[in-house]
């Protein structure tokens, strides 16, 4: 059923080409900034960082916290997120990118401000590791389709990864398509009549 949903979404919406970023560092920075805000706000913050030449982990490590805060204000929670950016920048300073995925994930989850969704977004989109990203939209879709009742992140993630081919590009595209579906039709107050996949 999951692969059928994917095919329907892909046919209806077309490829989403996520993650919208120019570099690996920009993906990592964006994954932090997108916490509890819209992507439109993240884009404003990313634009500010790029304008000053600070959209890299190396620069984030170097510049004062207060400077980061001013630049990322559009993304909200800028004081918290500035600290998180400093922490993730320090984490990657001497990181061995050959670390296996499970250990990599555990290490990311030990970084201040990094939860499951942020860690998995970094793994999948920045490092092309085969980890399916779960968010509130994914859980909403599964419940409305009556496919899976749990709301626990790792249980939902296991459901996807056990029922899909282990394919990084599929994982990237599927997650992006679910977000597109949720923002277009499968909202809190859904537009079911026009939705490309009908709920049970």
Protein backbone atom coordinates (compact mmCIF):
# COMPACT_ATOMS: atom_id res chain seq x y z
CA UNK A 1 0.00 0.00 0.00
CA UNK A 2 2.79 2.48 0.84
CA UNK A 3 4.44 2.13 -2.55
CA UNK A 4 1.06 2.57 -4.27
CA UNK A 5 0.50 5.82 -2.35
CA UNK A 6 3.96 6.98 -3.39
CA UNK A 7 3.29 6.26 -7.05
CA UNK A 8 -0.04 8.09 -6.91
CA UNK A 9 1.52 11.15 -5.29
CA UNK A 10 4.43 11.18 -7.71
CA UNK A 11 2.11 10.94 -10.70
CA UNK A 12 -0.14 13.70 -9.36
CA UNK A 13 2.41 16.21 -8.03
CA UNK A 14 5.56 15.29 -9.93
CA UNK A 15 9.06 15.28 -8.44
CA UNK A 16 9.69 17.76 -5.62
CA UNK A 17 13.50 17.71 -5.82
CA UNK A 18 14.13 18.07 -2.10
CA UNK A 19 16.15 19.35 -0.24
CA UNK A 20 16.13 22.91 -1.66
CA UNK A 21 19.75 23.84 -0.89
CA UNK A 22 23.05 24.40 -2.69
CA UNK A 23 25.41 22.70 -0.21
CA UNK A 24 25.50 20.03 2.46
CA UNK A 25 26.10 22.72 5.10
CA UNK A 26 23.05 24.63 3.92
CA UNK A 27 20.92 21.49 4.32
CA UNK A 28 22.17 20.99 7.88
CA UNK A 29 21.58 24.65 8.76
CA UNK A 30 18.13 24.52 7.18
CA UNK A 31 17.23 21.39 9.13
CA UNK A 32 17.84 23.31 12.36
CA UNK A 33 16.10 26.50 11.25
CA UNK A 34 12.95 24.74 10.02
CA UNK A 35 12.05 23.54 13.52
CA UNK A 36 8.64 24.97 14.49
CA UNK A 37 8.36 27.34 11.56
CA UNK A 38 7.45 27.50 7.88
CA UNK A 39 9.96 27.00 5.09
CA UNK A 40 9.24 30.54 3.87
CA UNK A 41 10.67 31.87 7.14
CA UNK A 42 13.67 29.57 6.84
CA UNK A 43 14.38 30.91 3.34
CA UNK A 44 14.52 34.45 4.73
CA UNK A 45 17.02 33.40 7.39
CA UNK A 46 19.11 31.43 4.87
CA UNK A 47 19.09 34.47 2.56
CA UNK A 48 20.44 36.65 5.41
CA UNK A 49 23.20 34.15 6.18
CA UNK A 50 24.19 33.88 2.51
CA UNK A 51 24.18 37.65 2.07
CA UNK A 52 26.78 37.96 4.83
CA UNK A 53 28.74 34.91 3.63
CA UNK A 54 27.90 32.94 6.76
CA UNK A 55 25.89 30.01 5.36
CA UNK A 56 28.46 27.36 6.26
CA UNK A 57 29.27 25.42 9.41
CA UNK A 58 32.80 26.81 9.39
CA UNK A 59 31.49 30.39 9.50
CA UNK A 60 28.84 29.49 12.09
CA UNK A 61 31.65 28.25 14.34
CA UNK A 62 33.56 31.52 13.93
CA UNK A 63 30.98 34.28 14.26
CA UNK A 64 29.51 35.53 17.56
CA UNK A 65 26.22 34.07 18.76
CA UNK A 66 24.60 37.52 18.69
CA UNK A 67 25.41 37.93 14.99
CA UNK A 68 23.80 34.59 14.18
CA UNK A 69 20.71 35.57 16.15
CA UNK A 70 20.21 38.77 14.18
CA UNK A 71 20.52 36.96 10.85
CA UNK A 72 18.19 34.06 11.66
CA UNK A 73 15.44 36.09 13.35
CA UNK A 74 12.92 35.41 10.55
CA UNK A 75 13.01 31.68 11.41
CA UNK A 76 11.77 32.31 14.96
CA UNK A 77 13.14 30.95 18.26
CA UNK A 78 16.36 32.60 17.12
CA UNK A 79 18.12 32.50 20.50
CA UNK A 80 17.59 28.74 20.84
CA UNK A 81 18.39 28.04 17.21
CA UNK A 82 21.60 30.07 17.31
CA UNK A 83 22.83 27.81 20.12
CA UNK A 84 21.74 24.71 18.19
CA UNK A 85 23.61 25.93 15.11
CA UNK A 86 26.76 26.46 17.15
CA UNK A 87 26.43 22.96 18.63
CA UNK A 88 25.90 21.22 15.28
CA UNK A 89 28.75 23.22 13.73
CA UNK A 90 31.08 22.05 16.51
CA UNK A 91 29.83 18.48 16.10
CA UNK A 92 30.80 18.35 12.43
CA UNK A 93 34.19 20.05 12.89
CA UNK A 94 36.07 16.75 13.32
CA UNK A 95 33.35 14.30 12.32
CA UNK A 96 34.22 11.16 10.35
CA UNK A 97 31.67 10.94 7.54
CA UNK A 98 32.39 7.22 7.19
CA UNK A 99 30.67 6.55 10.52
CA UNK A 100 27.95 3.93 10.07
CA UNK A 101 24.39 5.23 9.91
CA UNK A 102 23.15 3.85 13.24
CA UNK A 103 26.08 5.30 15.17
CA UNK A 104 25.87 8.56 13.21
CA UNK A 105 22.21 8.89 14.20
CA UNK A 106 22.95 8.21 17.87
CA UNK A 107 25.66 10.86 17.84
CA UNK A 108 23.39 13.42 16.19
CA UNK A 109 20.68 12.78 18.77
CA UNK A 110 23.17 13.66 21.51
CA UNK A 111 23.67 17.15 20.05
CA UNK A 112 21.68 19.87 21.81
CA UNK A 113 18.54 20.78 19.86
CA UNK A 114 18.57 17.71 17.60
CA UNK A 115 15.54 15.45 17.78
CA UNK A 116 14.49 12.50 15.63
CA UNK A 117 13.10 14.49 12.70
CA UNK A 118 16.04 16.90 12.49
CA UNK A 119 18.61 14.10 12.81
CA UNK A 120 16.94 12.01 10.13
CA UNK A 121 16.55 15.00 7.80
CA UNK A 122 20.30 15.59 8.07
CA UNK A 123 21.06 11.91 7.52
CA UNK A 124 18.79 11.54 4.50
CA UNK A 125 19.16 14.85 2.69
CA UNK A 126 22.69 15.96 3.59
CA UNK A 127 24.39 12.55 3.69
CA UNK A 128 22.09 10.36 1.56
CA UNK A 129 21.70 7.75 4.29
CA UNK A 130 18.67 5.42 3.89
CA UNK A 131 16.61 6.76 6.79
CA UNK A 132 12.94 7.68 6.33
CA UNK A 133 11.97 11.05 7.86
CA UNK A 134 8.75 11.13 9.86
CA UNK A 135 6.78 14.26 10.70
CA UNK A 136 3.27 15.21 11.81
CA UNK A 137 2.10 15.12 8.19
CA UNK A 138 3.22 11.51 7.80
CA UNK A 139 1.39 10.44 10.95
CA UNK A 140 -1.74 12.30 9.86
CA UNK A 141 -1.72 10.56 6.47
CA UNK A 142 -1.31 7.08 7.96
CA UNK A 143 -4.13 7.60 10.44
CA UNK A 144 -6.52 8.97 7.85
CA UNK A 145 -5.71 6.06 5.55
CA UNK A 146 -6.15 3.71 8.54
CA UNK A 147 -2.79 2.14 7.80
CA UNK A 148 -1.06 2.63 11.16
CA UNK A 149 -2.38 3.94 14.46
CA UNK A 150 0.77 4.67 16.46
CA UNK A 151 2.04 8.24 16.69
CA UNK A 152 5.44 7.21 18.07
CA UNK A 153 8.19 8.41 15.78
CA UNK A 154 10.36 5.31 15.64
CA UNK A 155 7.38 2.95 15.30
CA UNK A 156 6.05 4.91 12.34
CA UNK A 157 9.54 5.06 10.85
CA UNK A 158 9.92 1.28 11.16
CA UNK A 159 6.56 0.81 9.43
CA UNK A 160 7.79 2.79 6.42
CA UNK A 161 11.24 1.26 6.28
CA UNK A 162 9.94 -2.30 6.57
CA UNK A 163 7.40 -1.77 3.79
CA UNK A 164 9.43 0.17 1.24
CA UNK A 165 12.54 -0.64 -0.81
CA UNK A 166 15.71 0.65 0.89
CA UNK A 167 16.15 3.46 -1.63
CA UNK A 168 17.55 6.86 -0.64
CA UNK A 169 16.03 8.72 -3.59
CA UNK A 170 12.62 7.15 -2.96
CA UNK A 171 12.83 8.13 0.73
CA UNK A 172 13.75 11.72 -0.18
CA UNK A 173 10.98 12.07 -2.73
CA UNK A 174 8.31 10.29 -0.68
CA UNK A 175 8.81 12.51 2.35
CA UNK A 176 8.67 15.63 0.16
CA UNK A 177 5.49 14.40 -1.54
CA UNK A 178 3.78 13.76 1.81
CA UNK A 179 4.58 17.34 2.85
CA UNK A 180 3.18 18.60 -0.46
CA UNK A 181 0.01 16.53 0.02
CA UNK A 182 -0.46 17.73 3.60
CA UNK A 183 -0.07 21.39 2.69
CA UNK A 184 -2.33 21.14 -0.35
CA UNK A 185 -5.11 18.69 0.56
CA UNK A 186 -4.48 16.63 3.70
CA UNK A 187 -4.65 19.62 6.06
CA UNK A 188 -6.07 19.69 9.57
CA UNK A 189 -9.32 20.56 7.81
CA UNK A 190 -8.81 18.43 4.70
CA UNK A 191 -9.95 18.87 1.10
CA UNK A 192 -10.72 15.19 0.62
CA UNK A 193 -12.85 15.52 -2.52
CA UNK A 194 -9.90 16.78 -4.58
CA UNK A 195 -7.19 14.66 -2.92
CA UNK A 196 -5.23 12.33 -5.24
CA UNK A 197 -5.46 9.53 -2.68
CA UNK A 198 -8.79 8.76 -1.09
CA UNK A 199 -8.92 7.94 2.62
CA UNK A 200 -10.83 4.92 3.92
